[in-house]
Amino acid sequence: MNYAFLIDNRRCIGCHACSVACKAEHEVPLGVARTWVKYVDKGVFPETRRTFQVTRCNHCEDAPCVEICPTTALFRRRDGIVDFDSRRCIGCKACMQGCPYDALYIDPQTETAAKCNFCAHKVEVGLEPPCVTVCPTQAIVAGDLDDATSRIVHLTGRLPVQVRKPEKGTRPKVFYVEGDAAALVPLAAPPASDYMWAQGPPPSALSGAMPGLDVAGAPRRTYAAREQHRNSWGWKVSAYLWTKSLAAGAFLVPAVRGARAPWSEPVPLPALLVALLALAATGVLLVWDLRQPKRFLWTLTRPQWRSWLTRGSYVIAAYGLALAAQVALAVARRPVPSALIALTALLAAATATYTAFLFGQAKGRDLWQSPLLGPHLLVQALVAGAALFARPWLPVLLPISGLLVAGEVWGRHATEDARLAARLIQDDRRFTTGVLVIGHLLPLSILWGVSSFQGMAAALALFGLFVWEHLYVQAPQQVPLA
């Protein structure tokens, strides 16, 4: 069995009966939605046209939300339905980053992730989802793609159908008959400052300046649900990246600096303590960001091994144990085996870079799919470590960091979403002032000029690093997904 939806836009009248039925069936709270109808207007009066698009979870064959979930709270059933179990959810919001369709939200009552689950409790007893039964024009069809006699197989075989974002490779299973590109592609119809019955913040405050808003007759979104993914990862995630760089660099740089041979000399106790303290701060920030913080250990005790959130948790835990072992040996004035130093350095590098793989699983954030992210994270850790314990390295590391920043922001991007996110960073004054000037140019001018102000240069470099982390986390989340 392989259940799917078909939305016949020839029949849809935009009545919202499906949205209301879904709300009633699942007692969905106000402010969030499992299915909603998007209105897009095109043309100039009197030559105007309005299209409707029923939007919901696509129950993808290769669902990125399932892959990134660290505790199997999201899973794909044997019948093809992507379902969720709120009892296993830790509220990490990684699924909201992984979904390219803005289908998930955090339930304000349970503080766990939720979405359309095809009304699996109805399907299991042979009933159709309420959105199907309530539709007055039979615009929504649900059925089994493996059943050759089903209506959905008949329609998809006879009519040309479209899906949302096929380039993501998720193989979505919500098919649209006569789907309009202006509705299927979020950036084709940017949000306006006023909807049909409401006024809101200017579009630039929500999604940055996007083309098309000032063109007469251009597609414009006149009704839709509020973007549910907006800033699901906030400043705590930005700070976690920063403290993680400190934790990794505080060991890596002293481990290499001044050693006659690789890993031949133990890392000084102050550096070990700084690394351990920064790693503890990283853990605190990660737990603090969870909507269900009491369940934080489930990433270790109930792991879903394909998720880099799970793998990263084990990397951080192993790195912390290795640091603690070296602290214990240093306090006891016992020799530290070179094998332990080498293992800890490897774990430090993994701690710095695993986030590149985690962000790579976030299919909804195109800018994070950059091949430069892994090397950039490693360089950021080295910059942080050098700012603390090897400031003469900064004149070499900061130009490398600057080149990687330039590559992330001004380099070629594969998609329009990535280009928009990069442009949002470029247009942000904090990027020019905080990252380029304070974080790179000013420290370099100090280091190349007045050697007695190396401490100030190091502090400025760390400040610029934090600003960059924050912009890099926030900008892609401003790009609309639905």
Protein backbone atom coordinates (compact mmCIF):
# COMPACT_ATOMS: atom_id res chain seq x y z
CA MET A 1 0.00 0.00 0.00
CA ASN A 2 1.14 3.53 -0.74
CA TYR A 3 -1.35 6.24 0.16
CA ALA A 4 -1.30 9.64 -1.55
CA PHE A 5 -3.42 12.74 -2.14
CA LEU A 6 -4.53 14.34 -5.40
CA ILE A 7 -5.78 17.95 -5.42
CA ASP A 8 -7.90 18.79 -8.46
CA ASN A 9 -7.51 22.54 -8.88
CA ARG A 10 -10.19 22.50 -11.58
CA ARG A 11 -12.72 21.75 -8.85
CA CYS A 12 -11.35 23.61 -5.81
CA ILE A 13 -13.45 26.66 -4.86
CA GLY A 14 -11.29 27.81 -1.93
CA CYS A 15 -14.02 27.25 0.67
CA HIS A 16 -11.66 26.07 3.46
CA ALA A 17 -13.96 23.18 4.37
CA CYS A 18 -10.92 20.89 4.39
CA SER A 19 -9.07 23.19 6.79
CA VAL A 20 -12.04 23.38 9.15
CA ALA A 21 -12.61 19.62 9.06
CA CYS A 22 -8.95 19.00 9.86
CA LYS A 23 -9.05 21.48 12.73
CA ALA A 24 -12.13 19.81 14.17
CA GLU A 25 -10.90 16.24 13.71
CA HIS A 26 -7.57 16.79 15.46
CA GLU A 27 -8.46 19.74 17.70
CA VAL A 28 -5.66 21.74 16.09
CA PRO A 29 -5.00 24.90 18.17
CA LEU A 30 -5.31 28.42 16.82
CA GLY A 31 -2.26 29.81 15.07
CA VAL A 32 -1.13 26.55 13.47
CA ALA A 33 -2.57 24.38 10.71
CA ARG A 34 -2.17 20.90 9.26
CA THR A 35 -3.81 21.82 5.98
CA TRP A 36 -4.65 25.23 4.60
CA VAL A 37 -5.70 26.92 1.36
CA LYS A 38 -3.38 29.39 -0.32
CA TYR A 39 -4.83 32.14 -2.52
CA VAL A 40 -2.75 33.67 -5.32
CA ASP A 41 -4.04 36.54 -7.45
CA LYS A 42 -2.61 37.44 -10.86
CA GLY A 43 -3.26 40.16 -13.39
CA VAL A 44 -4.62 43.70 -13.34
CA PHE A 45 -8.33 44.50 -13.15
CA PRO A 46 -10.37 43.61 -15.07
CA GLU A 47 -8.07 40.87 -16.39
CA THR A 48 -7.48 39.07 -13.10
CA ARG A 49 -7.41 35.48 -11.97
CA ARG A 50 -7.35 33.80 -8.56
CA THR A 51 -5.95 30.32 -8.01
CA PHE A 52 -6.33 28.12 -4.94
CA GLN A 53 -3.88 25.60 -3.60
CA VAL A 54 -4.59 23.14 -0.80
CA THR A 55 -1.31 22.82 1.08
CA ARG A 56 -0.29 20.08 3.51
CA CYS A 57 2.28 17.39 4.29
CA ASN A 58 3.37 15.60 1.11
CA HIS A 59 3.98 12.20 2.78
CA CYS A 60 7.20 11.93 0.83
CA GLU A 61 8.66 8.62 -0.27
CA ASP A 62 12.05 9.88 0.93
CA ALA A 63 10.93 12.11 3.79
CA PRO A 64 13.73 14.36 5.11
CA CYS A 65 11.79 14.96 8.33
CA VAL A 66 12.01 11.24 9.11
CA GLU A 67 15.74 11.14 8.40
CA ILE A 68 16.62 14.15 10.56
CA CYS A 69 14.40 13.25 13.54
CA PRO A 70 16.72 12.02 16.34
CA THR A 71 14.18 9.89 18.24
CA THR A 72 11.93 8.29 15.57
CA ALA A 73 9.09 10.60 16.59
CA LEU A 74 8.48 10.89 12.83
CA PHE A 75 8.31 7.67 10.85
CA ARG A 76 7.06 6.29 7.57
CA ARG A 77 4.47 3.55 7.90
CA ARG A 78 4.22 0.50 5.68
CA ASP A 79 1.22 2.06 3.92
CA GLY A 80 3.30 5.10 2.87
CA ILE A 81 1.85 7.52 5.43
CA VAL A 82 4.40 9.68 7.24
CA ASP A 83 3.10 9.71 10.80
CA PHE A 84 4.32 11.13 14.10
CA ASP A 85 4.34 10.06 17.75
CA SER A 86 4.22 13.04 20.08
CA ARG A 87 5.19 10.79 23.00
CA ARG A 88 8.69 10.39 21.49
CA CYS A 89 9.20 14.00 20.36
CA ILE A 90 11.79 16.10 22.20
CA GLY A 91 10.80 19.34 20.47
CA CYS A 92 14.16 19.90 18.78
CA LYS A 93 12.46 21.40 15.67
CA ALA A 94 14.94 19.69 13.36
CA CYS A 95 12.03 18.26 11.36
CA MET A 96 10.84 21.80 10.65
CA GLN A 97 14.24 22.54 9.12
CA GLY A 98 14.24 19.28 7.19
CA CYS A 99 10.82 19.71 5.58
CA PRO A 100 10.98 21.80 2.37
CA TYR A 101 7.20 22.27 2.40
CA ASP A 102 6.57 23.99 5.76
CA ALA A 103 4.27 21.13 6.74
CA LEU A 104 5.32 20.81 10.39
CA TYR A 105 4.64 22.99 13.39
CA ILE A 106 5.11 22.88 17.15
CA ASP A 107 1.79 22.24 18.88
CA PRO A 108 1.46 25.01 21.49
CA GLN A 109 -0.42 22.66 23.82
CA THR A 110 1.85 19.60 23.76
CA GLU A 111 5.10 21.42 22.80
CA THR A 112 5.81 18.67 20.28
CA ALA A 113 5.91 18.52 16.49
CA ALA A 114 2.72 17.79 14.57
CA LYS A 115 1.45 17.75 10.99
CA CYS A 116 -1.04 16.09 8.65
CA ASN A 117 -0.92 12.33 9.28
CA PHE A 118 -3.44 11.37 6.57
CA CYS A 119 -5.91 10.74 9.42
CA ALA A 120 -4.30 7.33 9.81
CA HIS A 121 -6.78 6.38 12.53
CA LYS A 122 -9.56 6.70 9.93
CA VAL A 123 -7.68 4.99 7.12
CA GLU A 124 -6.91 1.99 9.34
CA VAL A 125 -10.64 1.23 9.66
CA GLY A 126 -11.41 1.81 5.98
CA LEU A 127 -12.62 5.42 6.19
CA GLU A 128 -11.46 8.42 4.20
CA PRO A 129 -9.83 11.47 5.80
CA PRO A 130 -12.41 14.12 6.80
CA CYS A 131 -10.90 16.65 4.39
CA VAL A 132 -11.90 14.30 1.56
CA THR A 133 -15.42 13.59 2.75
CA VAL A 134 -16.22 17.23 3.55
CA CYS A 135 -15.03 18.70 0.23
CA PRO A 136 -18.21 19.84 -1.60
CA THR A 137 -16.71 19.50 -5.08
CA GLN A 138 -14.63 16.32 -4.62
CA ALA A 139 -11.47 18.31 -5.29
CA ILE A 140 -9.45 16.19 -2.83
CA VAL A 141 -8.84 12.55 -3.67
CA ALA A 142 -7.10 10.13 -1.32
CA GLY A 143 -6.11 6.66 -2.38
CA ASP A 144 -3.61 3.86 -2.74
CA LEU A 145 -1.07 4.28 -5.54
CA ASP A 146 -0.45 0.53 -5.49
CA ASP A 147 -4.11 -0.22 -6.24
CA ALA A 148 -4.54 -0.11 -10.00
CA THR A 149 -8.32 0.22 -9.61
CA SER A 150 -8.23 3.26 -7.32
CA ARG A 151 -9.49 6.63 -8.46
CA ILE A 152 -6.18 8.35 -7.69
CA VAL A 153 -4.29 5.93 -9.95
CA HIS A 154 -6.84 6.53 -12.70
CA LEU A 155 -6.54 10.32 -12.41
CA THR A 156 -2.74 10.49 -12.13
CA GLY A 157 -2.44 8.16 -15.10
CA ARG A 158 -4.87 10.09 -17.28
CA LEU A 159 -4.16 13.72 -16.35
CA PRO A 160 -0.92 15.73 -16.21
CA VAL A 161 -0.10 16.39 -12.57
CA GLN A 162 2.43 18.56 -10.76
CA VAL A 163 4.13 18.31 -7.37
CA ARG A 164 5.81 20.88 -5.15
CA LYS A 165 9.60 21.18 -5.30
CA PRO A 166 10.42 17.98 -7.21
CA GLU A 167 14.07 19.13 -7.33
CA LYS A 168 14.40 18.29 -3.62
CA GLY A 169 14.33 14.60 -4.46
CA THR A 170 11.82 13.80 -1.71
CA ARG A 171 9.30 12.22 -4.14
CA PRO A 172 6.25 14.00 -2.69
CA LYS A 173 2.85 12.32 -2.87
CA VAL A 174 0.46 15.26 -3.04
CA PHE A 175 -0.33 15.62 -6.73
CA TYR A 176 -1.95 18.72 -8.25
CA VAL A 177 -4.11 18.76 -11.36
CA GLU A 178 -3.57 22.07 -13.17
CA GLY A 179 -1.22 23.26 -10.47
CA ASP A 180 -0.24 26.88 -11.01
CA ALA A 181 3.48 27.67 -10.81
CA ALA A 182 2.67 30.92 -9.01
CA ALA A 183 1.13 28.88 -6.19
CA LEU A 184 3.47 25.88 -6.28
CA VAL A 185 6.65 27.98 -6.05
CA PRO A 186 6.70 30.11 -2.85
CA LEU A 187 8.95 32.84 -4.26
CA ALA A 188 6.77 33.22 -7.37
CA ALA A 189 4.08 34.96 -5.31
CA PRO A 190 5.73 36.86 -2.45
CA PRO A 191 3.60 37.77 0.58
CA ALA A 192 2.09 41.24 0.51
CA SER A 193 1.58 43.62 3.42
CA ASP A 194 -2.19 43.15 3.23
CA TYR A 195 -4.27 39.99 2.80
CA MET A 196 -7.91 39.77 1.84
CA TRP A 197 -9.16 40.48 5.35
CA ALA A 198 -6.06 41.57 7.22
CA GLN A 199 -3.01 43.75 7.32
CA GLY A 200 0.38 42.63 8.55
CA PRO A 201 4.04 43.57 8.78
CA PRO A 202 5.73 44.68 5.56
CA PRO A 203 7.06 41.77 3.51
CA SER A 204 10.65 42.90 4.00
CA ALA A 205 10.25 42.35 7.73
CA LEU A 206 9.16 38.78 7.13
CA SER A 207 11.13 37.52 4.18
CA GLY A 208 13.48 40.28 3.08
CA ALA A 209 13.12 42.29 -0.09
CA MET A 210 11.91 39.97 -2.85
CA PRO A 211 11.37 40.73 -6.52
CA GLY A 212 7.91 41.01 -7.97
CA LEU A 213 6.11 43.01 -5.31
CA ASP A 214 6.19 46.25 -7.27
CA VAL A 215 5.33 44.81 -10.69
CA ALA A 216 1.78 45.46 -11.81
CA GLY A 217 -0.13 42.23 -12.34
CA ALA A 218 2.60 40.04 -10.84
CA PRO A 219 1.42 37.04 -8.81
CA ARG A 220 0.70 38.00 -5.22
CA ARG A 221 -0.30 35.93 -2.24
CA THR A 222 -3.60 37.26 -0.87
CA TYR A 223 -4.45 34.54 1.64
CA ALA A 224 -2.47 31.77 3.31
CA ALA A 225 -1.57 30.38 6.69
CA ARG A 226 1.18 32.19 8.54
CA GLU A 227 4.60 30.72 7.85
CA GLN A 228 4.92 28.05 10.54
CA HIS A 229 8.67 27.53 10.28
CA ARG A 230 9.68 31.11 10.94
CA ASN A 231 12.80 31.22 13.13
CA SER A 232 12.20 27.78 14.62
CA TRP A 233 15.92 27.83 15.47
CA GLY A 234 16.77 31.09 17.19
CA TRP A 235 19.67 32.68 19.03
CA LYS A 236 20.32 29.64 21.21
CA VAL A 237 21.28 27.61 18.13
CA SER A 238 23.52 30.45 16.95
CA ALA A 239 25.17 30.55 20.39
CA TYR A 240 25.54 26.76 20.38
CA LEU A 241 27.56 26.95 17.16
CA TRP A 242 29.78 29.61 18.73
CA THR A 243 30.42 27.76 21.99
CA LYS A 244 31.00 24.57 20.03
CA SER A 245 33.72 26.31 18.03
CA LEU A 246 35.29 27.46 21.30
CA ALA A 247 35.12 23.95 22.76
CA ALA A 248 36.74 22.35 19.71
CA GLY A 249 39.33 25.04 19.08
CA ALA A 250 40.39 25.29 22.72
CA PHE A 251 41.79 21.77 22.43
CA LEU A 252 42.79 21.56 18.78
CA VAL A 253 45.03 24.62 18.70
CA PRO A 254 47.06 23.86 21.87
CA ALA A 255 47.33 20.21 20.82
CA VAL A 256 49.16 21.22 17.64
CA ARG A 257 50.90 24.40 18.78
CA GLY A 258 54.49 23.90 19.88
CA ALA A 259 54.44 20.09 19.66
CA ARG A 260 57.67 18.59 18.35
CA ALA A 261 55.66 15.72 16.87
CA PRO A 262 51.91 15.22 16.39
CA TRP A 263 50.15 14.64 19.73
CA SER A 264 53.52 14.31 21.54
CA GLU A 265 52.78 16.85 24.29
CA PRO A 266 49.74 17.04 26.60
CA VAL A 267 47.39 19.98 26.30
CA PRO A 268 47.77 22.43 29.23
CA LEU A 269 45.17 22.13 31.98
CA PRO A 270 43.73 25.66 31.45
CA ALA A 271 42.98 24.84 27.80
CA LEU A 272 41.33 21.56 28.83
CA LEU A 273 39.15 23.37 31.37
CA VAL A 274 38.14 26.05 28.85
CA ALA A 275 37.24 23.37 26.29
CA LEU A 276 35.23 21.43 28.88
CA LEU A 277 33.44 24.57 30.08
CA ALA A 278 32.57 25.64 26.52
CA LEU A 279 31.34 22.12 25.75
CA ALA A 280 29.15 22.20 28.85
CA ALA A 281 27.72 25.54 27.69
CA THR A 282 27.04 23.94 24.30
CA GLY A 283 25.06 21.18 25.97
CA VAL A 284 23.11 23.65 28.09
CA LEU A 285 22.15 25.67 25.01
CA LEU A 286 21.05 22.56 23.12
CA VAL A 287 18.85 21.39 26.00
CA TRP A 288 17.53 24.91 26.58
CA ASP A 289 16.38 25.12 22.95
CA LEU A 290 14.29 21.95 23.21
CA ARG A 291 10.53 22.34 23.65
CA GLN A 292 10.64 19.17 25.79
CA PRO A 293 13.94 19.61 27.67
CA LYS A 294 13.19 16.80 30.14
CA ARG A 295 13.51 14.36 27.24
CA PHE A 296 16.97 15.51 26.14
CA LEU A 297 18.62 12.18 27.00
CA TRP A 298 16.38 10.42 24.48
CA THR A 299 18.82 11.37 21.71
CA LEU A 300 21.23 8.96 23.43
CA THR A 301 18.83 6.37 24.86
CA ARG A 302 16.31 6.23 21.98
CA PRO A 303 18.53 7.07 19.01
CA GLN A 304 17.55 7.19 15.35
CA TRP A 305 20.95 6.58 13.82
CA ARG A 306 20.41 8.26 10.45
CA SER A 307 19.95 11.63 12.17
CA TRP A 308 23.07 13.75 12.54
CA LEU A 309 21.46 15.24 15.62
CA THR A 310 21.80 11.82 17.23
CA ARG A 311 25.28 11.24 15.84
CA GLY A 312 26.37 14.69 16.94
CA SER A 313 25.07 14.06 20.46
CA TYR A 314 27.27 10.99 20.69
CA VAL A 315 30.25 12.90 19.28
CA ILE A 316 29.82 15.65 21.88
CA ALA A 317 29.41 13.11 24.67
CA ALA A 318 32.54 11.22 23.58
CA TYR A 319 34.51 14.45 23.30
CA GLY A 320 33.41 15.46 26.78
CA LEU A 321 34.51 12.11 28.23
CA ALA A 322 37.89 12.37 26.49
CA LEU A 323 38.40 15.89 27.86
CA ALA A 324 37.37 14.79 31.35
CA ALA A 325 39.84 11.90 31.21
CA GLN A 326 42.67 14.26 30.31
CA VAL A 327 41.68 16.69 33.07
CA ALA A 328 41.74 13.83 35.58
CA LEU A 329 45.19 12.72 34.40
CA ALA A 330 46.49 16.29 34.51
CA VAL A 331 45.19 16.85 38.05
CA ALA A 332 46.71 13.53 39.15
CA ARG A 333 49.95 14.49 37.40
CA ARG A 334 49.89 11.30 35.40
CA PRO A 335 51.19 11.09 31.81
CA VAL A 336 48.61 11.46 29.07
CA PRO A 337 48.91 8.75 26.38
CA SER A 338 49.54 10.17 22.92
CA ALA A 339 46.76 7.91 21.63
CA LEU A 340 44.29 9.68 23.93
CA ILE A 341 45.49 13.09 22.73
CA ALA A 342 45.09 12.02 19.09
CA LEU A 343 41.62 10.56 19.78
CA THR A 344 40.54 13.74 21.55
CA ALA A 345 41.79 15.87 18.66
CA LEU A 346 39.79 13.73 16.24
CA LEU A 347 36.69 14.11 18.41
CA ALA A 348 37.30 17.87 18.63
CA ALA A 349 37.40 18.13 14.84
CA ALA A 350 34.24 16.01 14.61
CA THR A 351 32.54 18.23 17.19
CA ALA A 352 33.37 21.28 15.11
CA THR A 353 32.24 19.88 11.77
CA TYR A 354 29.34 17.46 12.36
CA THR A 355 26.88 20.36 12.13
CA ALA A 356 27.64 20.58 8.41
CA PHE A 357 26.09 17.14 7.99
CA LEU A 358 23.17 18.06 10.26
CA PHE A 359 22.49 21.21 8.25
CA GLY A 360 22.85 19.11 5.10
CA GLN A 361 19.84 17.08 6.27
CA ALA A 362 17.83 20.31 6.58
CA LYS A 363 16.43 20.13 3.04
CA GLY A 364 14.29 23.21 3.66
CA ARG A 365 17.35 25.47 3.98
CA ASP A 366 19.13 25.69 0.64
CA LEU A 367 21.97 27.94 1.84
CA TRP A 368 22.97 25.28 4.38
CA GLN A 369 23.61 22.77 1.60
CA SER A 370 26.92 24.49 0.84
CA PRO A 371 30.00 22.24 0.38
CA LEU A 372 32.02 25.00 2.08
CA LEU A 373 30.21 24.59 5.40
CA GLY A 374 32.31 21.71 6.75
CA PRO A 375 35.71 23.34 6.10
CA HIS A 376 34.33 26.67 7.30
CA LEU A 377 33.24 25.19 10.63
CA LEU A 378 36.69 23.70 11.14
CA VAL A 379 38.36 27.04 10.37
CA GLN A 380 35.96 28.78 12.76
CA ALA A 381 37.03 26.39 15.52
CA LEU A 382 40.68 27.12 14.78
CA VAL A 383 40.01 30.87 14.83
CA ALA A 384 38.27 30.51 18.20
CA GLY A 385 41.11 28.41 19.59
CA ALA A 386 43.75 30.77 18.25
CA ALA A 387 41.94 33.77 19.74
CA LEU A 388 42.23 32.07 23.12
CA PHE A 389 45.63 30.38 23.05
CA ALA A 390 47.58 31.16 19.86
CA ARG A 391 46.96 34.75 18.75
CA PRO A 392 49.94 34.81 16.36
CA TRP A 393 47.94 32.34 14.24
CA LEU A 394 45.13 34.86 13.66
CA PRO A 395 46.85 36.78 10.81
CA VAL A 396 46.83 33.50 8.87
CA LEU A 397 43.46 32.09 9.95
CA LEU A 398 41.35 35.26 9.63
CA PRO A 399 42.03 35.74 5.88
CA ILE A 400 41.10 32.09 5.32
CA SER A 401 37.93 32.62 7.32
CA GLY A 402 37.16 35.75 5.31
CA LEU A 403 37.55 33.89 2.03
CA LEU A 404 35.16 31.18 3.24
CA VAL A 405 32.64 33.82 4.33
CA ALA A 406 32.90 35.42 0.89
CA GLY A 407 32.37 32.05 -0.74
CA GLU A 408 29.25 31.39 1.34
CA VAL A 409 27.74 34.81 0.65
CA TRP A 410 28.97 35.87 -2.80
CA GLY A 411 29.68 32.48 -4.33
CA ARG A 412 27.46 30.74 -6.85
CA HIS A 413 24.30 29.21 -5.43
CA ALA A 414 22.34 26.40 -7.01
CA THR A 415 18.83 27.62 -6.17
CA GLU A 416 16.91 30.86 -5.92
CA ASP A 417 16.17 30.16 -2.24
CA ALA A 418 19.91 29.99 -1.50
CA ARG A 419 20.54 33.18 -3.48
CA LEU A 420 17.81 34.99 -1.55
CA ALA A 421 19.21 33.84 1.80
CA ALA A 422 22.69 34.99 0.77
CA ARG A 423 21.28 38.34 -0.33
CA LEU A 424 19.55 38.74 3.04
CA ILE A 425 22.95 38.33 4.71
CA GLN A 426 24.59 40.78 2.29
CA ASP A 427 21.93 43.42 2.92
CA ASP A 428 22.14 43.10 6.71
CA ARG A 429 24.21 45.87 8.29
CA ARG A 430 25.39 43.44 10.95
CA PHE A 431 27.19 41.50 8.22
CA THR A 432 29.15 44.48 6.94
CA THR A 433 29.82 45.96 10.36
CA GLY A 434 29.99 42.95 12.64
CA VAL A 435 31.43 40.24 10.41
CA LEU A 436 33.59 42.00 7.81
CA VAL A 437 34.79 45.09 9.67
CA ILE A 438 34.79 44.14 13.37
CA GLY A 439 35.34 40.41 12.88
CA HIS A 440 38.01 40.44 10.18
CA LEU A 441 39.41 43.77 8.95
CA LEU A 442 39.82 45.47 12.32
CA PRO A 443 41.55 42.51 14.04
CA LEU A 444 43.89 42.08 11.08
CA SER A 445 44.81 45.77 11.06
CA ILE A 446 45.55 45.57 14.80
CA LEU A 447 47.59 42.36 14.50
CA TRP A 448 49.61 43.70 11.57
CA GLY A 449 50.19 47.03 13.30
CA VAL A 450 50.21 47.10 17.11
CA SER A 451 51.27 43.81 18.69
CA SER A 452 50.36 44.98 22.21
CA PHE A 453 46.64 44.92 21.35
CA GLN A 454 46.45 41.23 20.41
CA GLY A 455 43.90 40.59 23.16
CA MET A 456 41.56 43.19 21.68
CA ALA A 457 42.01 41.70 18.21
CA ALA A 458 41.15 38.25 19.57
CA ALA A 459 38.00 39.56 21.27
CA LEU A 460 36.90 41.30 18.07
CA ALA A 461 37.46 38.11 16.06
CA LEU A 462 35.32 36.12 18.51
CA PHE A 463 32.59 38.77 18.32
CA GLY A 464 32.61 38.67 14.53
CA LEU A 465 32.43 34.88 14.64
CA PHE A 466 29.29 35.01 16.78
CA VAL A 467 27.62 37.57 14.50
CA TRP A 468 28.36 35.40 11.47
CA GLU A 469 26.95 32.29 13.16
CA HIS A 470 23.75 34.15 14.01
CA LEU A 471 23.24 35.57 10.51
CA TYR A 472 24.00 32.22 8.90
CA VAL A 473 21.43 30.45 11.07
CA GLN A 474 18.71 33.08 10.72
CA ALA A 475 18.84 34.17 7.06
CA PRO A 476 17.78 30.87 5.43
CA GLN A 477 14.85 30.66 7.84
CA GLN A 478 13.49 33.93 6.43
CA VAL A 479 12.94 32.38 2.99
CA PRO A 480 9.29 31.25 2.65
CA LEU A 481 8.74 27.54 2.06
CA ALA A 482 5.03 27.53 1.30
